[in-house]
Amino acid sequence: MAHHKSALKRVRQTIKRTAQNRSLRSDLRTVIKKFRSILEGGNIEQVREAYPGVQKNIDKAVTKGILHKRTGARYKSRLALSVAKTAAS
């Protein structure tokens, strides 16, 4: 356990930030999972309405450091590709 005041403060900050990051990561995963279930449904109107919201959540996670920049880009790219496939079929 830490003994200095500054170290104790850092421990408190780490606990708070870990909880916040875990919550944001969980929300992101939930949004992506819901979007994938909409894709499975095949309703292209719902998919096109939901995609910008998913994209926004991914961008927000990248901005806050939850996801790496390239990981966010990869997620968006793959989801956009699946939207295009759903629209084509």
PDB file of N, CA and C in Angstrom:
ATOM      1  N   MET A   1       0.840  -1.185   0.000  1.00  0.00           N
ATOM      2  CA  MET A   1       0.000   0.000   0.000  1.00  0.00           C
ATOM      3  C   MET A   1       0.879   1.240   0.000  1.00  0.00           C
ATOM      4  N   ALA A   2       0.384   2.280  -0.652  1.00  0.00           N
ATOM      5  CA  ALA A   2       1.133   3.530  -0.763  1.00  0.00           C
ATOM      6  C   ALA A   2       1.164   4.257   0.577  1.00  0.00           C
ATOM      7  N   HIS A   3       2.228   5.026   0.784  1.00  0.00           N
ATOM      8  CA  HIS A   3       2.374   5.754   2.037  1.00  0.00           C
ATOM      9  C   HIS A   3       2.337   7.266   1.840  1.00  0.00           C
ATOM     10  N   HIS A   4       2.726   7.752   0.676  1.00  0.00           N
ATOM     11  CA  HIS A   4       2.735   9.188   0.425  1.00  0.00           C
ATOM     12  C   HIS A   4       1.347   9.664   0.022  1.00  0.00           C
ATOM     13  N   LYS A   5       1.065  10.923   0.355  1.00  0.00           N
ATOM     14  CA  LYS A   5      -0.230  11.489   0.004  1.00  0.00           C
ATOM     15  C   LYS A   5      -0.467  11.445  -1.505  1.00  0.00           C
ATOM     16  N   SER A   6       0.557  11.796  -2.267  1.00  0.00           N
ATOM     17  CA  SER A   6       0.411  11.828  -3.718  1.00  0.00           C
ATOM     18  C   SER A   6       0.152  10.426  -4.274  1.00  0.00           C
ATOM     19  N   ALA A   7       0.799   9.428  -3.687  1.00  0.00           N
ATOM     20  CA  ALA A   7       0.588   8.053  -4.148  1.00  0.00           C
ATOM     21  C   ALA A   7      -0.822   7.580  -3.813  1.00  0.00           C
ATOM     22  N   LEU A   8      -1.316   7.972  -2.639  1.00  0.00           N
ATOM     23  CA  LEU A   8      -2.683   7.605  -2.267  1.00  0.00           C
ATOM     24  C   LEU A   8      -3.692   8.254  -3.213  1.00  0.00           C
ATOM     25  N   LYS A   9      -3.416   9.497  -3.583  1.00  0.00           N
ATOM     26  CA  LYS A   9      -4.295  10.183  -4.527  1.00  0.00           C
ATOM     27  C   LYS A   9      -4.284   9.487  -5.879  1.00  0.00           C
ATOM     28  N   ARG A  10      -3.104   9.078  -6.332  1.00  0.00           N
ATOM     29  CA  ARG A  10      -3.010   8.381  -7.610  1.00  0.00           C
ATOM     30  C   ARG A  10      -3.788   7.065  -7.573  1.00  0.00           C
ATOM     31  N   VAL A  11      -3.771   6.383  -6.449  1.00  0.00           N
ATOM     32  CA  VAL A  11      -4.533   5.138  -6.306  1.00  0.00           C
ATOM     33  C   VAL A  11      -6.022   5.427  -6.441  1.00  0.00           C
ATOM     34  N   ARG A  12      -6.476   6.498  -5.778  1.00  0.00           N
ATOM     35  CA  ARG A  12      -7.897   6.870  -5.880  1.00  0.00           C
ATOM     36  C   ARG A  12      -8.266   7.225  -7.317  1.00  0.00           C
ATOM     37  N   GLN A  13      -7.403   7.977  -7.986  1.00  0.00           N
ATOM     38  CA  GLN A  13      -7.670   8.365  -9.364  1.00  0.00           C
ATOM     39  C   GLN A  13      -7.722   7.150 -10.282  1.00  0.00           C
ATOM     40  N   THR A  14      -6.815   6.224 -10.074  1.00  0.00           N
ATOM     41  CA  THR A  14      -6.766   5.024 -10.907  1.00  0.00           C
ATOM     42  C   THR A  14      -8.043   4.210 -10.764  1.00  0.00           C
ATOM     43  N   ILE A  15      -8.515   4.070  -9.547  1.00  0.00           N
ATOM     44  CA  ILE A  15      -9.749   3.311  -9.306  1.00  0.00           C
ATOM     45  C   ILE A  15     -10.924   3.980 -10.019  1.00  0.00           C
ATOM     46  N   LYS A  16     -11.005   5.310  -9.905  1.00  0.00           N
ATOM     47  CA  LYS A  16     -12.106   6.047 -10.525  1.00  0.00           C
ATOM     48  C   LYS A  16     -12.042   5.938 -12.049  1.00  0.00           C
ATOM     49  N   ARG A  17     -10.846   6.107 -12.616  1.00  0.00           N
ATOM     50  CA  ARG A  17     -10.700   6.060 -14.067  1.00  0.00           C
ATOM     51  C   ARG A  17     -10.935   4.655 -14.612  1.00  0.00           C
ATOM     52  N   THR A  18     -10.504   3.646 -13.867  1.00  0.00           N
ATOM     53  CA  THR A  18     -10.725   2.268 -14.297  1.00  0.00           C
ATOM     54  C   THR A  18     -12.218   1.973 -14.389  1.00  0.00           C
ATOM     55  N   ALA A  19     -12.971   2.426 -13.390  1.00  0.00           N
ATOM     56  CA  ALA A  19     -14.421   2.205 -13.397  1.00  0.00           C
ATOM     57  C   ALA A  19     -15.068   2.922 -14.575  1.00  0.00           C
ATOM     58  N   GLN A  20     -14.640   4.166 -14.832  1.00  0.00           N
ATOM     59  CA  GLN A  20     -15.200   4.933 -15.948  1.00  0.00           C
ATOM     60  C   GLN A  20     -14.884   4.265 -17.282  1.00  0.00           C
ATOM     61  N   ASN A  21     -13.631   3.837 -17.453  1.00  0.00           N
ATOM     62  CA  ASN A  21     -13.229   3.192 -18.701  1.00  0.00           C
ATOM     63  C   ASN A  21     -13.973   1.880 -18.909  1.00  0.00           C
ATOM     64  N   ARG A  22     -14.149   1.116 -17.839  1.00  0.00           N
ATOM     65  CA  ARG A  22     -14.858  -0.156 -17.940  1.00  0.00           C
ATOM     66  C   ARG A  22     -16.302   0.072 -18.369  1.00  0.00           C
ATOM     67  N   SER A  23     -16.931   1.109 -17.822  1.00  0.00           N
ATOM     68  CA  SER A  23     -18.306   1.426 -18.168  1.00  0.00           C
ATOM     69  C   SER A  23     -18.417   1.832 -19.638  1.00  0.00           C
ATOM     70  N   LEU A  24     -17.503   2.700 -20.092  1.00  0.00           N
ATOM     71  CA  LEU A  24     -17.539   3.145 -21.490  1.00  0.00           C
ATOM     72  C   LEU A  24     -17.278   1.992 -22.447  1.00  0.00           C
ATOM     73  N   ARG A  25     -16.339   1.115 -22.097  1.00  0.00           N
ATOM     74  CA  ARG A  25     -16.036  -0.035 -22.953  1.00  0.00           C
ATOM     75  C   ARG A  25     -17.233  -0.974 -23.025  1.00  0.00           C
ATOM     76  N   SER A  26     -17.903  -1.164 -21.900  1.00  0.00           N
ATOM     77  CA  SER A  26     -19.083  -2.022 -21.855  1.00  0.00           C
ATOM     78  C   SER A  26     -20.205  -1.445 -22.716  1.00  0.00           C
ATOM     79  N   ASP A  27     -20.418  -0.137 -22.608  1.00  0.00           N
ATOM     80  CA  ASP A  27     -21.446   0.521 -23.419  1.00  0.00           C
ATOM     81  C   ASP A  27     -21.142   0.379 -24.906  1.00  0.00           C
ATOM     82  N   LEU A  28     -19.882   0.554 -25.264  1.00  0.00           N
ATOM     83  CA  LEU A  28     -19.481   0.429 -26.665  1.00  0.00           C
ATOM     84  C   LEU A  28     -19.765  -0.973 -27.177  1.00  0.00           C
ATOM     85  N   ARG A  29     -19.379  -1.969 -26.408  1.00  0.00           N
ATOM     86  CA  ARG A  29     -19.601  -3.354 -26.831  1.00  0.00           C
ATOM     87  C   ARG A  29     -21.090  -3.661 -26.960  1.00  0.00           C
ATOM     88  N   THR A  30     -21.903  -3.108 -26.058  1.00  0.00           N
ATOM     89  CA  THR A  30     -23.343  -3.320 -26.119  1.00  0.00           C
ATOM     90  C   THR A  30     -23.921  -2.702 -27.390  1.00  0.00           C
ATOM     91  N   VAL A  31     -23.485  -1.488 -27.718  1.00  0.00           N
ATOM     92  CA  VAL A  31     -23.981  -0.813 -28.919  1.00  0.00           C
ATOM     93  C   VAL A  31     -23.614  -1.601 -30.171  1.00  0.00           C
ATOM     94  N   ILE A  32     -22.375  -2.084 -30.223  1.00  0.00           N
ATOM     95  CA  ILE A  32     -21.933  -2.861 -31.388  1.00  0.00           C
ATOM     96  C   ILE A  32     -22.720  -4.161 -31.493  1.00  0.00           C
ATOM     97  N   LYS A  33     -22.955  -4.803 -30.355  1.00  0.00           N
ATOM     98  CA  LYS A  33     -23.699  -6.058 -30.350  1.00  0.00           C
ATOM     99  C   LYS A  33     -25.135  -5.843 -30.830  1.00  0.00           C
ATOM    100  N   LYS A  34     -25.774  -4.764 -30.379  1.00  0.00           N
ATOM    101  CA  LYS A  34     -27.133  -4.456 -30.812  1.00  0.00           C
ATOM    102  C   LYS A  34     -27.179  -4.165 -32.311  1.00  0.00           C
ATOM    103  N   PHE A  35     -26.145  -3.439 -32.787  1.00  0.00           N
ATOM    104  CA  PHE A  35     -26.091  -3.126 -34.209  1.00  0.00           C
ATOM    105  C   PHE A  35     -25.949  -4.399 -35.029  1.00  0.00           C
ATOM    106  N   ARG A  36     -25.119  -5.328 -34.569  1.00  0.00           N
ATOM    107  CA  ARG A  36     -24.941  -6.588 -35.301  1.00  0.00           C
ATOM    108  C   ARG A  36     -26.235  -7.394 -35.323  1.00  0.00           C
ATOM    109  N   SER A  37     -27.022  -7.319 -34.250  1.00  0.00           N
ATOM    110  CA  SER A  37     -28.302  -8.025 -34.253  1.00  0.00           C
ATOM    111  C   SER A  37     -29.277  -7.369 -35.231  1.00  0.00           C
ATOM    112  N   ILE A  38     -29.213  -6.037 -35.368  1.00  0.00           N
ATOM    113  CA  ILE A  38     -30.032  -5.348 -36.374  1.00  0.00           C
ATOM    114  C   ILE A  38     -29.606  -5.778 -37.772  1.00  0.00           C
ATOM    115  N   LEU A  39     -28.298  -5.927 -37.976  1.00  0.00           N
ATOM    116  CA  LEU A  39     -27.792  -6.400 -39.271  1.00  0.00           C
ATOM    117  C   LEU A  39     -28.328  -7.787 -39.596  1.00  0.00           C
ATOM    118  N   GLU A  40     -28.373  -8.653 -38.593  1.00  0.00           N
ATOM    119  CA  GLU A  40     -28.891 -10.007 -38.789  1.00  0.00           C
ATOM    120  C   GLU A  40     -30.346  -9.965 -39.237  1.00  0.00           C
ATOM    121  N   GLY A  41     -31.087  -8.969 -38.719  1.00  0.00           N
ATOM    122  CA  GLY A  41     -32.491  -8.834 -39.102  1.00  0.00           C
ATOM    123  C   GLY A  41     -32.664  -8.519 -40.581  1.00  0.00           C
ATOM    124  N   GLY A  42     -31.723  -7.783 -41.134  1.00  0.00           N
ATOM    125  CA  GLY A  42     -31.740  -7.511 -42.560  1.00  0.00           C
ATOM    126  C   GLY A  42     -32.567  -6.315 -42.998  1.00  0.00           C
ATOM    127  N   ASN A  43     -33.145  -5.570 -42.059  1.00  0.00           N
ATOM    128  CA  ASN A  43     -33.934  -4.390 -42.404  1.00  0.00           C
ATOM    129  C   ASN A  43     -32.971  -3.235 -42.685  1.00  0.00           C
ATOM    130  N   ILE A  44     -32.798  -2.898 -43.957  1.00  0.00           N
ATOM    131  CA  ILE A  44     -31.778  -1.936 -44.369  1.00  0.00           C
ATOM    132  C   ILE A  44     -32.067  -0.529 -43.843  1.00  0.00           C
ATOM    133  N   GLU A  45     -33.352  -0.160 -43.685  1.00  0.00           N
ATOM    134  CA  GLU A  45     -33.672   1.174 -43.161  1.00  0.00           C
ATOM    135  C   GLU A  45     -33.190   1.306 -41.718  1.00  0.00           C
ATOM    136  N   GLN A  46     -33.460   0.293 -40.899  1.00  0.00           N
ATOM    137  CA  GLN A  46     -33.003   0.310 -39.502  1.00  0.00           C
ATOM    138  C   GLN A  46     -31.482   0.332 -39.426  1.00  0.00           C
ATOM    139  N   VAL A  47     -30.848  -0.424 -40.301  1.00  0.00           N
ATOM    140  CA  VAL A  47     -29.385  -0.491 -40.309  1.00  0.00           C
ATOM    141  C   VAL A  47     -28.808   0.881 -40.630  1.00  0.00           C
ATOM    142  N   ARG A  48     -29.351   1.536 -41.643  1.00  0.00           N
ATOM    143  CA  ARG A  48     -28.838   2.859 -42.040  1.00  0.00           C
ATOM    144  C   ARG A  48     -29.102   3.917 -40.973  1.00  0.00           C
ATOM    145  N   GLU A  49     -30.191   3.775 -40.219  1.00  0.00           N
ATOM    146  CA  GLU A  49     -30.465   4.711 -39.125  1.00  0.00           C
ATOM    147  C   GLU A  49     -29.531   4.480 -37.946  1.00  0.00           C
ATOM    148  N   ALA A  50     -29.196   3.224 -37.680  1.00  0.00           N
ATOM    149  CA  ALA A  50     -28.405   2.887 -36.502  1.00  0.00           C
ATOM    150  C   ALA A  50     -26.904   3.083 -36.704  1.00  0.00           C
ATOM    151  N   TYR A  51     -26.425   2.989 -37.934  1.00  0.00           N
ATOM    152  CA  TYR A  51     -24.980   3.034 -38.185  1.00  0.00           C
ATOM    153  C   TYR A  51     -24.305   4.331 -37.727  1.00  0.00           C
ATOM    154  N   PRO A  52     -24.873   5.514 -37.988  1.00  0.00           N
ATOM    155  CA  PRO A  52     -24.199   6.734 -37.515  1.00  0.00           C
ATOM    156  C   PRO A  52     -24.021   6.788 -35.993  1.00  0.00           C
ATOM    157  N   GLY A  53     -24.984   6.252 -35.263  1.00  0.00           N
ATOM    158  CA  GLY A  53     -24.861   6.217 -33.802  1.00  0.00           C
ATOM    159  C   GLY A  53     -23.742   5.310 -33.343  1.00  0.00           C
ATOM    160  N   VAL A  54     -23.602   4.178 -34.009  1.00  0.00           N
ATOM    161  CA  VAL A  54     -22.517   3.245 -33.677  1.00  0.00           C
ATOM    162  C   VAL A  54     -21.177   3.892 -34.003  1.00  0.00           C
ATOM    163  N   GLN A  55     -21.114   4.542 -35.139  1.00  0.00           N
ATOM    164  CA  GLN A  55     -19.890   5.223 -35.563  1.00  0.00           C
ATOM    165  C   GLN A  55     -19.509   6.307 -34.551  1.00  0.00           C
ATOM    166  N   LYS A  56     -20.481   7.023 -34.061  1.00  0.00           N
ATOM    167  CA  LYS A  56     -20.253   8.078 -33.073  1.00  0.00           C
ATOM    168  C   LYS A  56     -19.700   7.489 -31.776  1.00  0.00           C
ATOM    169  N   ASN A  57     -20.270   6.368 -31.340  1.00  0.00           N
ATOM    170  CA  ASN A  57     -19.795   5.722 -30.116  1.00  0.00           C
ATOM    171  C   ASN A  57     -18.360   5.235 -30.260  1.00  0.00           C
ATOM    172  N   ILE A  58     -18.029   4.685 -31.418  1.00  0.00           N
ATOM    173  CA  ILE A  58     -16.663   4.212 -31.658  1.00  0.00           C
ATOM    174  C   ILE A  58     -15.699   5.397 -31.628  1.00  0.00           C
ATOM    175  N   ASP A  59     -16.074   6.488 -32.293  1.00  0.00           N
ATOM    176  CA  ASP A  59     -15.222   7.681 -32.307  1.00  0.00           C
ATOM    177  C   ASP A  59     -15.028   8.241 -30.900  1.00  0.00           C
ATOM    178  N   LYS A  60     -16.085   8.230 -30.104  1.00  0.00           N
ATOM    179  CA  LYS A  60     -15.992   8.731 -28.737  1.00  0.00           C
ATOM    180  C   LYS A  60     -15.050   7.857 -27.908  1.00  0.00           C
ATOM    181  N   ALA A  61     -15.122   6.543 -28.106  1.00  0.00           N
ATOM    182  CA  ALA A  61     -14.232   5.636 -27.384  1.00  0.00           C
ATOM    183  C   ALA A  61     -12.778   5.873 -27.781  1.00  0.00           C
ATOM    184  N   VAL A  62     -12.535   6.161 -29.052  1.00  0.00           N
ATOM    185  CA  VAL A  62     -11.175   6.456 -29.512  1.00  0.00           C
ATOM    186  C   VAL A  62     -10.685   7.749 -28.887  1.00  0.00           C
ATOM    187  N   THR A  63     -11.548   8.764 -28.859  1.00  0.00           N
ATOM    188  CA  THR A  63     -11.173  10.059 -28.297  1.00  0.00           C
ATOM    189  C   THR A  63     -10.822   9.944 -26.820  1.00  0.00           C
ATOM    190  N   LYS A  64     -11.563   9.128 -26.096  1.00  0.00           N
ATOM    191  CA  LYS A  64     -11.338   8.994 -24.660  1.00  0.00           C
ATOM    192  C   LYS A  64     -10.246   7.985 -24.309  1.00  0.00           C
ATOM    193  N   GLY A  65      -9.680   7.339 -25.334  1.00  0.00           N
ATOM    194  CA  GLY A  65      -8.583   6.417 -25.084  1.00  0.00           C
ATOM    195  C   GLY A  65      -9.017   5.010 -24.734  1.00  0.00           C
ATOM    196  N   ILE A  66     -10.276   4.703 -24.921  1.00  0.00           N
ATOM    197  CA  ILE A  66     -10.783   3.361 -24.631  1.00  0.00           C
ATOM    198  C   ILE A  66     -10.310   2.397 -25.718  1.00  0.00           C
ATOM    199  N   LEU A  67     -10.323   2.869 -26.956  1.00  0.00           N
ATOM    200  CA  LEU A  67      -9.856   2.093 -28.101  1.00  0.00           C
ATOM    201  C   LEU A  67      -8.693   2.821 -28.753  1.00  0.00           C
ATOM    202  N   HIS A  68      -7.808   2.064 -29.358  1.00  0.00           N
ATOM    203  CA  HIS A  68      -6.747   2.653 -30.168  1.00  0.00           C
ATOM    204  C   HIS A  68      -7.369   3.204 -31.447  1.00  0.00           C
ATOM    205  N   LYS A  69      -6.732   4.197 -32.030  1.00  0.00           N
ATOM    206  CA  LYS A  69      -7.251   4.857 -33.231  1.00  0.00           C
ATOM    207  C   LYS A  69      -7.476   3.858 -34.360  1.00  0.00           C
ATOM    208  N   ARG A  70      -6.524   2.987 -34.577  1.00  0.00           N
ATOM    209  CA  ARG A  70      -6.641   2.034 -35.678  1.00  0.00           C
ATOM    210  C   ARG A  70      -7.666   0.943 -35.391  1.00  0.00           C
ATOM    211  N   THR A  71      -7.824   0.601 -34.132  1.00  0.00           N
ATOM    212  CA  THR A  71      -8.844  -0.377 -33.765  1.00  0.00           C
ATOM    213  C   THR A  71     -10.229   0.188 -34.064  1.00  0.00           C
ATOM    214  N   GLY A  72     -10.442   1.445 -33.714  1.00  0.00           N
ATOM    215  CA  GLY A  72     -11.714   2.099 -34.016  1.00  0.00           C
ATOM    216  C   GLY A  72     -11.966   2.161 -35.510  1.00  0.00           C
ATOM    217  N   ALA A  73     -10.926   2.476 -36.271  1.00  0.00           N
ATOM    218  CA  ALA A  73     -11.065   2.535 -37.729  1.00  0.00           C
ATOM    219  C   ALA A  73     -11.410   1.161 -38.291  1.00  0.00           C
ATOM    220  N   ARG A  74     -10.796   0.130 -37.739  1.00  0.00           N
ATOM    221  CA  ARG A  74     -11.066  -1.233 -38.203  1.00  0.00           C
ATOM    222  C   ARG A  74     -12.508  -1.625 -37.908  1.00  0.00           C
ATOM    223  N   TYR A  75     -12.991  -1.311 -36.702  1.00  0.00           N
ATOM    224  CA  TYR A  75     -14.381  -1.601 -36.358  1.00  0.00           C
ATOM    225  C   TYR A  75     -15.336  -0.909 -37.326  1.00  0.00           C
ATOM    226  N   LYS A  76     -15.106   0.383 -37.545  1.00  0.00           N
ATOM    227  CA  LYS A  76     -16.000   1.144 -38.429  1.00  0.00           C
ATOM    228  C   LYS A  76     -15.954   0.600 -39.847  1.00  0.00           C
ATOM    229  N   SER A  77     -14.764   0.242 -40.308  1.00  0.00           N
ATOM    230  CA  SER A  77     -14.620  -0.281 -41.657  1.00  0.00           C
ATOM    231  C   SER A  77     -15.373  -1.590 -41.824  1.00  0.00           C
ATOM    232  N   ARG A  78     -15.218  -2.474 -40.875  1.00  0.00           N
ATOM    233  CA  ARG A  78     -15.891  -3.781 -40.968  1.00  0.00           C
ATOM    234  C   ARG A  78     -17.402  -3.640 -40.870  1.00  0.00           C
ATOM    235  N   LEU A  79     -17.860  -2.741 -40.000  1.00  0.00           N
ATOM    236  CA  LEU A  79     -19.300  -2.539 -39.886  1.00  0.00           C
ATOM    237  C   LEU A  79     -19.853  -1.896 -41.159  1.00  0.00           C
ATOM    238  N   ALA A  80     -19.110  -0.958 -41.751  1.00  0.00           N
ATOM    239  CA  ALA A  80     -19.547  -0.328 -42.995  1.00  0.00           C
ATOM    240  C   ALA A  80     -19.612  -1.353 -44.120  1.00  0.00           C
ATOM    241  N   LEU A  81     -18.664  -2.270 -44.141  1.00  0.00           N
ATOM    242  CA  LEU A  81     -18.658  -3.323 -45.147  1.00  0.00           C
ATOM    243  C   LEU A  81     -19.879  -4.228 -44.996  1.00  0.00           C
ATOM    244  N   SER A  82     -20.230  -4.558 -43.756  1.00  0.00           N
ATOM    245  CA  SER A  82     -21.402  -5.397 -43.536  1.00  0.00           C
ATOM    246  C   SER A  82     -22.690  -4.647 -43.875  1.00  0.00           C
ATOM    247  N   VAL A  83     -22.702  -3.321 -43.665  1.00  0.00           N
ATOM    248  CA  VAL A  83     -23.870  -2.525 -44.067  1.00  0.00           C
ATOM    249  C   VAL A  83     -24.009  -2.575 -45.592  1.00  0.00           C
ATOM    250  N   ALA A  84     -22.890  -2.426 -46.291  1.00  0.00           N
ATOM    251  CA  ALA A  84     -22.924  -2.466 -47.755  1.00  0.00           C
ATOM    252  C   ALA A  84     -23.386  -3.831 -48.268  1.00  0.00           C
ATOM    253  N   LYS A  85     -22.934  -4.904 -47.618  1.00  0.00           N
ATOM    254  CA  LYS A  85     -23.366  -6.241 -48.022  1.00  0.00           C
ATOM    255  C   LYS A  85     -24.859  -6.433 -47.788  1.00  0.00           C
ATOM    256  N   THR A  86     -25.351  -5.915 -46.660  1.00  0.00           N
ATOM    257  CA  THR A  86     -26.778  -6.030 -46.372  1.00  0.00           C
ATOM    258  C   THR A  86     -27.592  -5.232 -47.389  1.00  0.00           C
ATOM    259  N   ALA A  87     -27.096  -4.060 -47.765  1.00  0.00           N
ATOM    260  CA  ALA A  87     -27.805  -3.234 -48.741  1.00  0.00           C
ATOM    261  C   ALA A  87     -27.808  -3.896 -50.118  1.00  0.00           C
ATOM    262  N   ALA A  88     -26.717  -4.581 -50.457  1.00  0.00           N
ATOM    263  CA  ALA A  88     -26.621  -5.215 -51.774  1.00  0.00           C
ATOM    264  C   ALA A  88     -27.562  -6.409 -51.893  1.00  0.00           C
ATOM    265  N   SER A  89     -27.774  -7.103 -50.774  1.00  0.00           N
ATOM    266  CA  SER A  89     -28.610  -8.314 -50.861  1.00  0.00           C
ATOM    267  C   SER A  89     -30.081  -8.011 -50.637  1.00  0.00           C
TER     268      SER A  89
END
